[in-house]
Amino acid sequence: MEPSLTRAKFVYLLILAPLAAIESGILITYFIQLKPDVITSCCGSLFDSGRATLSSMLAGLMPIPTALVFYTVSLFTLATGLYTWRTGRGSLVLAAGSIVTFLTGVASLIAFFCLYYYEMPTHKIIPPQQRRLAFWATLCFALYLILITFQLFSSSFISR
């Protein structure tokens, strides 16, 4: 005869319920103490349009060309590294390529790769979709105006 699982479920519930309540209390406290007028340091300083900083310039780079430059430089550095490993020559070119790969890596991390990790619509991903949605929003507003204006003129109600 198998033992009942109901008792085990309630034992686990007695253990998990207080933990869930504590977690909920901490989460509520965190959200209550958030200050919406304070911008986070990562996005606030990175995408600040009020001042030209290195990070804001990197964020303004076109994602695809930046990624292409990064992969080109990285493949060159990889090939140079393999050449140096096999022949023992070319270490200065490998060192220079490593520096350039690092610099283009930082630029492409900000301009390209972060788009795929954070996937925020505000991170330069959706301009074509924004245009399409703007078209449909404008069309719906126009239909709305036409319908209410038509009802206004075709109604027998007269305001005084």
N, C-alpha and C. Protein backbone atom coordinates (compact mmCIF):
# COMPACT_ATOMS: atom_id res chain seq x y z
N MET A 1 0.84 -1.18 0.00
CA MET A 1 0.00 0.00 0.00
C MET A 1 0.89 1.25 0.00
N GLU A 2 0.60 2.18 -0.93
CA GLU A 2 1.39 3.40 -1.05
C GLU A 2 0.95 4.44 -0.02
N PRO A 3 1.92 5.17 0.56
CA PRO A 3 1.55 6.22 1.51
C PRO A 3 0.91 7.39 0.77
N SER A 4 0.07 8.08 1.44
CA SER A 4 -0.62 9.23 0.85
C SER A 4 0.35 10.39 0.64
N LEU A 5 0.23 11.04 -0.50
CA LEU A 5 1.09 12.18 -0.80
C LEU A 5 0.52 13.50 -0.27
N THR A 6 -0.70 13.46 0.23
CA THR A 6 -1.33 14.68 0.71
C THR A 6 -0.56 15.25 1.90
N ARG A 7 -0.15 14.39 2.80
CA ARG A 7 0.59 14.85 3.98
C ARG A 7 1.91 15.50 3.55
N ALA A 8 2.60 14.88 2.61
CA ALA A 8 3.87 15.43 2.14
C ALA A 8 3.67 16.78 1.45
N LYS A 9 2.59 16.91 0.69
CA LYS A 9 2.29 18.18 0.02
C LYS A 9 2.08 19.29 1.05
N PHE A 10 1.35 18.99 2.11
CA PHE A 10 1.08 20.03 3.11
C PHE A 10 2.32 20.36 3.93
N VAL A 11 3.22 19.41 4.13
CA VAL A 11 4.47 19.71 4.81
C VAL A 11 5.29 20.68 3.95
N TYR A 12 5.38 20.39 2.66
CA TYR A 12 6.10 21.30 1.76
C TYR A 12 5.41 22.66 1.68
N LEU A 13 4.10 22.67 1.72
CA LEU A 13 3.37 23.94 1.69
C LEU A 13 3.67 24.76 2.94
N LEU A 14 3.76 24.12 4.09
CA LEU A 14 4.09 24.82 5.33
C LEU A 14 5.50 25.40 5.29
N ILE A 15 6.38 24.75 4.55
CA ILE A 15 7.75 25.26 4.41
C ILE A 15 7.81 26.39 3.38
N LEU A 16 7.13 26.21 2.25
CA LEU A 16 7.23 27.17 1.15
C LEU A 16 6.37 28.42 1.34
N ALA A 17 5.23 28.32 2.01
CA ALA A 17 4.34 29.48 2.16
C ALA A 17 5.02 30.63 2.90
N PRO A 18 5.69 30.40 4.02
CA PRO A 18 6.37 31.54 4.66
C PRO A 18 7.49 32.12 3.80
N LEU A 19 8.22 31.26 3.08
CA LEU A 19 9.27 31.76 2.19
C LEU A 19 8.68 32.61 1.07
N ALA A 20 7.56 32.19 0.51
CA ALA A 20 6.89 32.96 -0.53
C ALA A 20 6.38 34.29 0.02
N ALA A 21 5.88 34.27 1.25
CA ALA A 21 5.40 35.52 1.87
C ALA A 21 6.56 36.48 2.12
N ILE A 22 7.68 35.96 2.57
CA ILE A 22 8.86 36.81 2.79
C ILE A 22 9.34 37.40 1.47
N GLU A 23 9.41 36.56 0.44
CA GLU A 23 9.84 37.03 -0.88
C GLU A 23 8.89 38.10 -1.41
N SER A 24 7.60 37.90 -1.23
CA SER A 24 6.62 38.90 -1.68
C SER A 24 6.78 40.20 -0.92
N GLY A 25 7.03 40.12 0.38
CA GLY A 25 7.24 41.32 1.19
C GLY A 25 8.47 42.09 0.75
N ILE A 26 9.55 41.37 0.46
CA ILE A 26 10.78 42.02 -0.01
C ILE A 26 10.54 42.68 -1.36
N LEU A 27 9.83 42.00 -2.25
CA LEU A 27 9.55 42.54 -3.58
C LEU A 27 8.67 43.79 -3.49
N ILE A 28 7.66 43.75 -2.65
CA ILE A 28 6.78 44.92 -2.49
C ILE A 28 7.57 46.08 -1.90
N THR A 29 8.41 45.81 -0.91
CA THR A 29 9.25 46.86 -0.33
C THR A 29 10.17 47.47 -1.37
N TYR A 30 10.76 46.62 -2.21
CA TYR A 30 11.64 47.10 -3.27
C TYR A 30 10.89 48.04 -4.21
N PHE A 31 9.70 47.63 -4.68
CA PHE A 31 8.95 48.45 -5.62
C PHE A 31 8.45 49.74 -4.98
N ILE A 32 8.11 49.70 -3.71
CA ILE A 32 7.65 50.92 -3.03
C ILE A 32 8.79 51.93 -2.91
N GLN A 33 10.00 51.44 -2.71
CA GLN A 33 11.14 52.34 -2.52
C GLN A 33 11.78 52.79 -3.83
N LEU A 34 11.31 52.30 -4.98
CA LEU A 34 11.87 52.74 -6.26
C LEU A 34 11.56 54.21 -6.49
N LYS A 35 12.53 54.91 -7.04
CA LYS A 35 12.34 56.32 -7.35
C LYS A 35 12.27 56.46 -8.87
N PRO A 36 11.09 56.71 -9.43
CA PRO A 36 10.96 56.74 -10.89
C PRO A 36 11.66 57.92 -11.55
N ASP A 37 12.02 58.94 -10.79
CA ASP A 37 12.71 60.07 -11.39
C ASP A 37 14.23 59.86 -11.47
N VAL A 38 14.72 58.76 -10.94
CA VAL A 38 16.15 58.44 -11.00
C VAL A 38 16.37 57.44 -12.13
N ILE A 39 17.21 57.81 -13.09
CA ILE A 39 17.49 56.95 -14.23
C ILE A 39 18.63 56.02 -13.86
N THR A 40 18.53 54.78 -14.29
CA THR A 40 19.59 53.83 -13.99
C THR A 40 20.88 54.27 -14.65
N SER A 41 21.99 53.91 -14.05
CA SER A 41 23.26 54.38 -14.55
C SER A 41 23.61 53.79 -15.92
N CYS A 42 23.18 52.57 -16.19
CA CYS A 42 23.57 51.96 -17.47
C CYS A 42 22.89 52.66 -18.64
N CYS A 43 21.60 52.65 -18.68
CA CYS A 43 20.88 53.26 -19.81
C CYS A 43 20.86 54.77 -19.71
N GLY A 44 20.77 55.30 -18.52
CA GLY A 44 20.70 56.74 -18.36
C GLY A 44 21.94 57.45 -18.85
N SER A 45 23.10 56.89 -18.54
CA SER A 45 24.32 57.54 -19.00
C SER A 45 24.68 57.13 -20.41
N LEU A 46 24.29 55.92 -20.80
CA LEU A 46 24.67 55.42 -22.12
C LEU A 46 23.89 56.12 -23.23
N PHE A 47 22.60 56.31 -23.03
CA PHE A 47 21.76 56.85 -24.09
C PHE A 47 21.36 58.30 -23.85
N ASP A 48 22.09 59.00 -23.02
CA ASP A 48 21.80 60.40 -22.74
C ASP A 48 22.09 61.23 -23.97
N SER A 49 21.05 61.84 -24.51
CA SER A 49 21.24 62.64 -25.73
C SER A 49 21.68 64.06 -25.42
N GLY A 50 21.67 64.44 -24.16
CA GLY A 50 22.03 65.80 -23.81
C GLY A 50 23.51 66.09 -23.89
N ARG A 51 24.33 65.05 -23.84
CA ARG A 51 25.77 65.28 -23.90
C ARG A 51 26.42 64.18 -24.72
N ALA A 52 27.47 64.55 -25.41
CA ALA A 52 28.17 63.58 -26.26
C ALA A 52 29.27 62.92 -25.44
N THR A 53 29.07 61.65 -25.12
CA THR A 53 30.09 60.88 -24.41
C THR A 53 30.50 59.74 -25.32
N LEU A 54 31.59 59.08 -24.94
CA LEU A 54 32.07 57.94 -25.72
C LEU A 54 31.00 56.85 -25.78
N SER A 55 30.36 56.59 -24.63
CA SER A 55 29.35 55.53 -24.62
C SER A 55 28.12 55.89 -25.44
N SER A 56 27.73 57.16 -25.44
CA SER A 56 26.58 57.54 -26.26
C SER A 56 26.92 57.49 -27.74
N MET A 57 28.18 57.79 -28.09
CA MET A 57 28.60 57.66 -29.49
C MET A 57 28.63 56.19 -29.91
N LEU A 58 29.10 55.32 -29.01
CA LEU A 58 29.12 53.88 -29.33
C LEU A 58 27.70 53.35 -29.47
N ALA A 59 26.79 53.83 -28.63
CA ALA A 59 25.40 53.39 -28.72
C ALA A 59 24.76 53.87 -30.01
N GLY A 60 25.27 54.95 -30.58
CA GLY A 60 24.71 55.49 -31.81
C GLY A 60 25.24 54.84 -33.08
N LEU A 61 26.20 53.93 -32.95
CA LEU A 61 26.74 53.25 -34.14
C LEU A 61 25.67 52.36 -34.77
N MET A 62 25.75 52.22 -36.07
CA MET A 62 24.83 51.32 -36.77
C MET A 62 25.18 49.88 -36.41
N PRO A 63 24.19 49.08 -35.97
CA PRO A 63 24.47 47.74 -35.46
C PRO A 63 25.11 46.79 -36.47
N ILE A 64 24.57 46.71 -37.68
CA ILE A 64 25.06 45.72 -38.65
C ILE A 64 26.48 46.03 -39.12
N PRO A 65 26.79 47.27 -39.53
CA PRO A 65 28.18 47.55 -39.92
C PRO A 65 29.16 47.33 -38.76
N THR A 66 28.75 47.68 -37.55
CA THR A 66 29.62 47.48 -36.40
C THR A 66 29.90 45.99 -36.19
N ALA A 67 28.87 45.16 -36.33
CA ALA A 67 29.05 43.72 -36.18
C ALA A 67 29.94 43.17 -37.29
N LEU A 68 29.77 43.66 -38.50
CA LEU A 68 30.61 43.19 -39.60
C LEU A 68 32.08 43.53 -39.37
N VAL A 69 32.35 44.74 -38.90
CA VAL A 69 33.73 45.13 -38.59
C VAL A 69 34.28 44.24 -37.48
N PHE A 70 33.47 44.01 -36.45
CA PHE A 70 33.93 43.16 -35.34
C PHE A 70 34.27 41.75 -35.82
N TYR A 71 33.39 41.14 -36.61
CA TYR A 71 33.66 39.78 -37.06
C TYR A 71 34.85 39.72 -38.03
N THR A 72 34.98 40.73 -38.86
CA THR A 72 36.13 40.77 -39.78
C THR A 72 37.44 40.86 -39.00
N VAL A 73 37.50 41.79 -38.05
CA VAL A 73 38.71 41.96 -37.25
C VAL A 73 38.98 40.71 -36.41
N SER A 74 37.92 40.12 -35.85
CA SER A 74 38.09 38.92 -35.02
C SER A 74 38.61 37.75 -35.84
N LEU A 75 38.08 37.57 -37.05
CA LEU A 75 38.56 36.48 -37.90
C LEU A 75 40.01 36.70 -38.32
N PHE A 76 40.36 37.96 -38.59
CA PHE A 76 41.76 38.28 -38.92
C PHE A 76 42.67 37.95 -37.73
N THR A 77 42.25 38.35 -36.53
CA THR A 77 43.05 38.08 -35.33
C THR A 77 43.14 36.58 -35.06
N LEU A 78 42.05 35.87 -35.29
CA LEU A 78 42.07 34.41 -35.13
C LEU A 78 43.05 33.77 -36.11
N ALA A 79 43.01 34.21 -37.37
CA ALA A 79 43.93 33.67 -38.38
C ALA A 79 45.38 34.01 -38.03
N THR A 80 45.60 35.25 -37.54
CA THR A 80 46.94 35.65 -37.13
C THR A 80 47.42 34.81 -35.95
N GLY A 81 46.52 34.55 -35.02
CA GLY A 81 46.87 33.72 -33.87
C GLY A 81 47.24 32.30 -34.28
N LEU A 82 46.49 31.73 -35.21
CA LEU A 82 46.83 30.40 -35.71
C LEU A 82 48.18 30.41 -36.43
N TYR A 83 48.42 31.45 -37.21
CA TYR A 83 49.69 31.58 -37.92
C TYR A 83 50.86 31.69 -36.93
N THR A 84 50.69 32.52 -35.91
CA THR A 84 51.74 32.69 -34.91
C THR A 84 51.98 31.39 -34.15
N TRP A 85 50.94 30.69 -33.83
CA TRP A 85 51.05 29.42 -33.11
C TRP A 85 51.82 28.37 -33.93
N ARG A 86 51.53 28.34 -35.23
CA ARG A 86 52.17 27.32 -36.08
C ARG A 86 53.60 27.68 -36.47
N THR A 87 53.87 28.97 -36.72
CA THR A 87 55.19 29.34 -37.24
C THR A 87 56.09 30.02 -36.21
N GLY A 88 55.49 30.57 -35.16
CA GLY A 88 56.29 31.31 -34.19
C GLY A 88 56.59 32.73 -34.62
N ARG A 89 56.01 33.19 -35.72
CA ARG A 89 56.23 34.54 -36.23
C ARG A 89 54.90 35.29 -36.23
N GLY A 90 54.99 36.61 -36.28
CA GLY A 90 53.79 37.43 -36.39
C GLY A 90 53.17 37.82 -35.06
N SER A 91 53.94 37.77 -33.99
CA SER A 91 53.36 38.07 -32.67
C SER A 91 52.98 39.54 -32.51
N LEU A 92 53.72 40.44 -33.19
CA LEU A 92 53.35 41.86 -33.11
C LEU A 92 52.02 42.13 -33.82
N VAL A 93 51.82 41.46 -34.95
CA VAL A 93 50.55 41.61 -35.67
C VAL A 93 49.41 41.02 -34.82
N LEU A 94 49.70 39.90 -34.16
CA LEU A 94 48.70 39.29 -33.28
C LEU A 94 48.36 40.22 -32.12
N ALA A 95 49.37 40.87 -31.55
CA ALA A 95 49.13 41.80 -30.44
C ALA A 95 48.30 42.99 -30.90
N ALA A 96 48.65 43.55 -32.07
CA ALA A 96 47.88 44.68 -32.60
C ALA A 96 46.45 44.25 -32.93
N GLY A 97 46.32 43.07 -33.52
CA GLY A 97 44.98 42.56 -33.84
C GLY A 97 44.16 42.31 -32.59
N SER A 98 44.79 41.88 -31.52
CA SER A 98 44.08 41.66 -30.26
C SER A 98 43.56 42.96 -29.68
N ILE A 99 44.36 44.01 -29.78
CA ILE A 99 43.92 45.32 -29.28
C ILE A 99 42.74 45.83 -30.10
N VAL A 100 42.85 45.73 -31.43
CA VAL A 100 41.76 46.19 -32.30
C VAL A 100 40.51 45.33 -32.08
N THR A 101 40.70 44.02 -31.88
CA THR A 101 39.56 43.15 -31.62
C THR A 101 38.88 43.54 -30.31
N PHE A 102 39.66 43.87 -29.30
CA PHE A 102 39.09 44.31 -28.03
C PHE A 102 38.27 45.58 -28.21
N LEU A 103 38.84 46.56 -28.92
CA LEU A 103 38.15 47.84 -29.10
C LEU A 103 36.87 47.68 -29.93
N THR A 104 36.95 46.92 -31.02
CA THR A 104 35.73 46.70 -31.81
C THR A 104 34.75 45.81 -31.06
N GLY A 105 35.26 44.97 -30.18
CA GLY A 105 34.37 44.14 -29.36
C GLY A 105 33.55 44.96 -28.39
N VAL A 106 34.19 45.96 -27.79
CA VAL A 106 33.46 46.86 -26.88
C VAL A 106 32.40 47.64 -27.65
N ALA A 107 32.78 48.16 -28.81
CA ALA A 107 31.83 48.93 -29.62
C ALA A 107 30.66 48.06 -30.06
N SER A 108 30.94 46.84 -30.53
CA SER A 108 29.85 45.99 -31.00
C SER A 108 29.03 45.42 -29.85
N LEU A 109 29.62 45.31 -28.66
CA LEU A 109 28.84 44.89 -27.50
C LEU A 109 27.75 45.91 -27.20
N ILE A 110 28.11 47.18 -27.27
CA ILE A 110 27.14 48.24 -26.98
C ILE A 110 26.18 48.45 -28.15
N ALA A 111 26.69 48.45 -29.38
CA ALA A 111 25.86 48.80 -30.54
C ALA A 111 25.10 47.62 -31.12
N PHE A 112 25.55 46.39 -30.89
CA PHE A 112 24.94 45.25 -31.58
C PHE A 112 24.51 44.12 -30.65
N PHE A 113 25.44 43.56 -29.90
CA PHE A 113 25.14 42.35 -29.14
C PHE A 113 24.13 42.58 -28.02
N CYS A 114 24.16 43.76 -27.39
CA CYS A 114 23.22 44.00 -26.30
C CYS A 114 21.77 43.98 -26.79
N LEU A 115 21.57 44.28 -28.08
CA LEU A 115 20.21 44.23 -28.62
C LEU A 115 19.62 42.83 -28.51
N TYR A 116 20.47 41.83 -28.67
CA TYR A 116 20.00 40.45 -28.64
C TYR A 116 19.90 39.89 -27.23
N TYR A 117 20.59 40.50 -26.28
CA TYR A 117 20.50 40.04 -24.91
C TYR A 117 19.38 40.73 -24.16
N TYR A 118 19.20 42.01 -24.38
CA TYR A 118 18.18 42.76 -23.67
C TYR A 118 16.87 42.82 -24.44
N GLU A 119 16.92 42.83 -25.74
CA GLU A 119 15.76 42.79 -26.63
C GLU A 119 14.67 43.79 -26.25
N MET A 120 15.06 45.00 -25.99
CA MET A 120 14.10 46.06 -25.71
C MET A 120 13.72 46.72 -27.02
N PRO A 121 12.44 46.99 -27.22
CA PRO A 121 12.04 47.66 -28.47
C PRO A 121 12.67 49.02 -28.65
N THR A 122 13.04 49.66 -27.57
CA THR A 122 13.65 50.98 -27.68
C THR A 122 15.12 50.91 -28.05
N HIS A 123 15.68 49.73 -28.19
CA HIS A 123 17.09 49.59 -28.53
C HIS A 123 17.29 49.44 -30.03
N LYS A 124 16.75 50.36 -30.80
CA LYS A 124 16.99 50.47 -32.24
C LYS A 124 16.55 49.25 -33.04
N ILE A 125 15.61 48.52 -32.58
CA ILE A 125 15.25 47.28 -33.28
C ILE A 125 14.08 47.47 -34.24
N ILE A 126 13.15 48.35 -33.92
CA ILE A 126 11.87 48.29 -34.62
C ILE A 126 11.44 49.53 -35.41
N PRO A 127 12.32 50.32 -36.01
CA PRO A 127 11.84 51.46 -36.78
C PRO A 127 10.84 51.10 -37.89
N PRO A 128 11.03 50.02 -38.67
CA PRO A 128 10.02 49.69 -39.68
C PRO A 128 8.66 49.35 -39.04
N GLN A 129 8.69 48.67 -37.94
CA GLN A 129 7.43 48.33 -37.28
C GLN A 129 6.79 49.59 -36.71
N GLN A 130 7.58 50.52 -36.22
CA GLN A 130 7.04 51.77 -35.71
C GLN A 130 6.31 52.53 -36.81
N ARG A 131 6.88 52.55 -38.00
CA ARG A 131 6.24 53.25 -39.12
C ARG A 131 4.92 52.59 -39.48
N ARG A 132 4.91 51.25 -39.51
CA ARG A 132 3.69 50.52 -39.84
C ARG A 132 2.61 50.76 -38.78
N LEU A 133 2.99 50.73 -37.51
CA LEU A 133 2.03 50.98 -36.44
C LEU A 133 1.55 52.43 -36.46
N ALA A 134 2.44 53.35 -36.81
CA ALA A 134 2.03 54.75 -36.92
C ALA A 134 0.99 54.93 -38.03
N PHE A 135 1.18 54.21 -39.15
CA PHE A 135 0.21 54.27 -40.23
C PHE A 135 -1.16 53.79 -39.76
N TRP A 136 -1.20 52.62 -39.09
CA TRP A 136 -2.47 52.07 -38.64
C TRP A 136 -3.10 52.93 -37.56
N ALA A 137 -2.30 53.50 -36.67
CA ALA A 137 -2.84 54.39 -35.64
C ALA A 137 -3.46 55.63 -36.28
N THR A 138 -2.77 56.19 -37.27
CA THR A 138 -3.30 57.36 -37.97
C THR A 138 -4.58 57.03 -38.71
N LEU A 139 -4.61 55.89 -39.38
CA LEU A 139 -5.82 55.47 -40.08
C LEU A 139 -6.99 55.28 -39.12
N CYS A 140 -6.73 54.66 -37.98
CA CYS A 140 -7.81 54.45 -36.99
C CYS A 140 -8.29 55.77 -36.42
N PHE A 141 -7.37 56.72 -36.15
CA PHE A 141 -7.79 58.04 -35.67
C PHE A 141 -8.63 58.75 -36.72
N ALA A 142 -8.25 58.64 -37.98
CA ALA A 142 -9.02 59.28 -39.05
C ALA A 142 -10.42 58.67 -39.14
N LEU A 143 -10.51 57.34 -39.06
CA LEU A 143 -11.83 56.69 -39.07
C LEU A 143 -12.67 57.11 -37.88
N TYR A 144 -12.05 57.23 -36.75
CA TYR A 144 -12.73 57.68 -35.54
C TYR A 144 -13.31 59.08 -35.73
N LEU A 145 -12.48 59.98 -36.26
CA LEU A 145 -12.94 61.35 -36.49
C LEU A 145 -14.08 61.39 -37.52
N ILE A 146 -13.96 60.59 -38.57
CA ILE A 146 -15.01 60.56 -39.59
C ILE A 146 -16.32 60.04 -39.00
N LEU A 147 -16.25 58.97 -38.21
CA LEU A 147 -17.46 58.39 -37.63
C LEU A 147 -18.15 59.34 -36.65
N ILE A 148 -17.38 59.97 -35.77
CA ILE A 148 -18.05 60.86 -34.81
C ILE A 148 -18.56 62.12 -35.49
N THR A 149 -17.85 62.61 -36.50
CA THR A 149 -18.32 63.78 -37.22
C THR A 149 -19.57 63.45 -38.04
N PHE A 150 -19.60 62.27 -38.66
CA PHE A 150 -20.78 61.83 -39.40
C PHE A 150 -21.98 61.73 -38.46
N GLN A 151 -21.78 61.16 -37.29
CA GLN A 151 -22.89 61.05 -36.33
C GLN A 151 -23.35 62.42 -35.88
N LEU A 152 -22.43 63.35 -35.73
CA LEU A 152 -22.77 64.70 -35.30
C LEU A 152 -23.68 65.37 -36.32
N PHE A 153 -23.37 65.24 -37.60
CA PHE A 153 -24.16 65.92 -38.64
C PHE A 153 -25.41 65.15 -39.05
N SER A 154 -25.43 63.84 -38.85
CA SER A 154 -26.60 63.06 -39.29
C SER A 154 -27.60 62.85 -38.17
N SER A 155 -27.31 63.27 -36.97
CA SER A 155 -28.21 63.09 -35.84
C SER A 155 -29.32 64.14 -35.87
N SER A 156 -30.49 63.76 -35.37
CA SER A 156 -31.59 64.72 -35.30
C SER A 156 -31.51 65.54 -34.03
N PHE A 157 -30.58 65.23 -33.14
CA PHE A 157 -30.40 65.97 -31.91
C PHE A 157 -29.78 67.32 -32.22
N ILE A 158 -30.33 68.37 -31.63
CA ILE A 158 -29.82 69.72 -31.85
C ILE A 158 -29.45 70.29 -30.50
N SER A 159 -28.18 70.68 -30.37
CA SER A 159 -27.77 71.29 -29.09
C SER A 159 -28.00 72.78 -29.16
N ARG A 160 -28.33 73.37 -28.04
CA ARG A 160 -28.60 74.82 -27.98
C ARG A 160 -27.63 75.51 -27.08
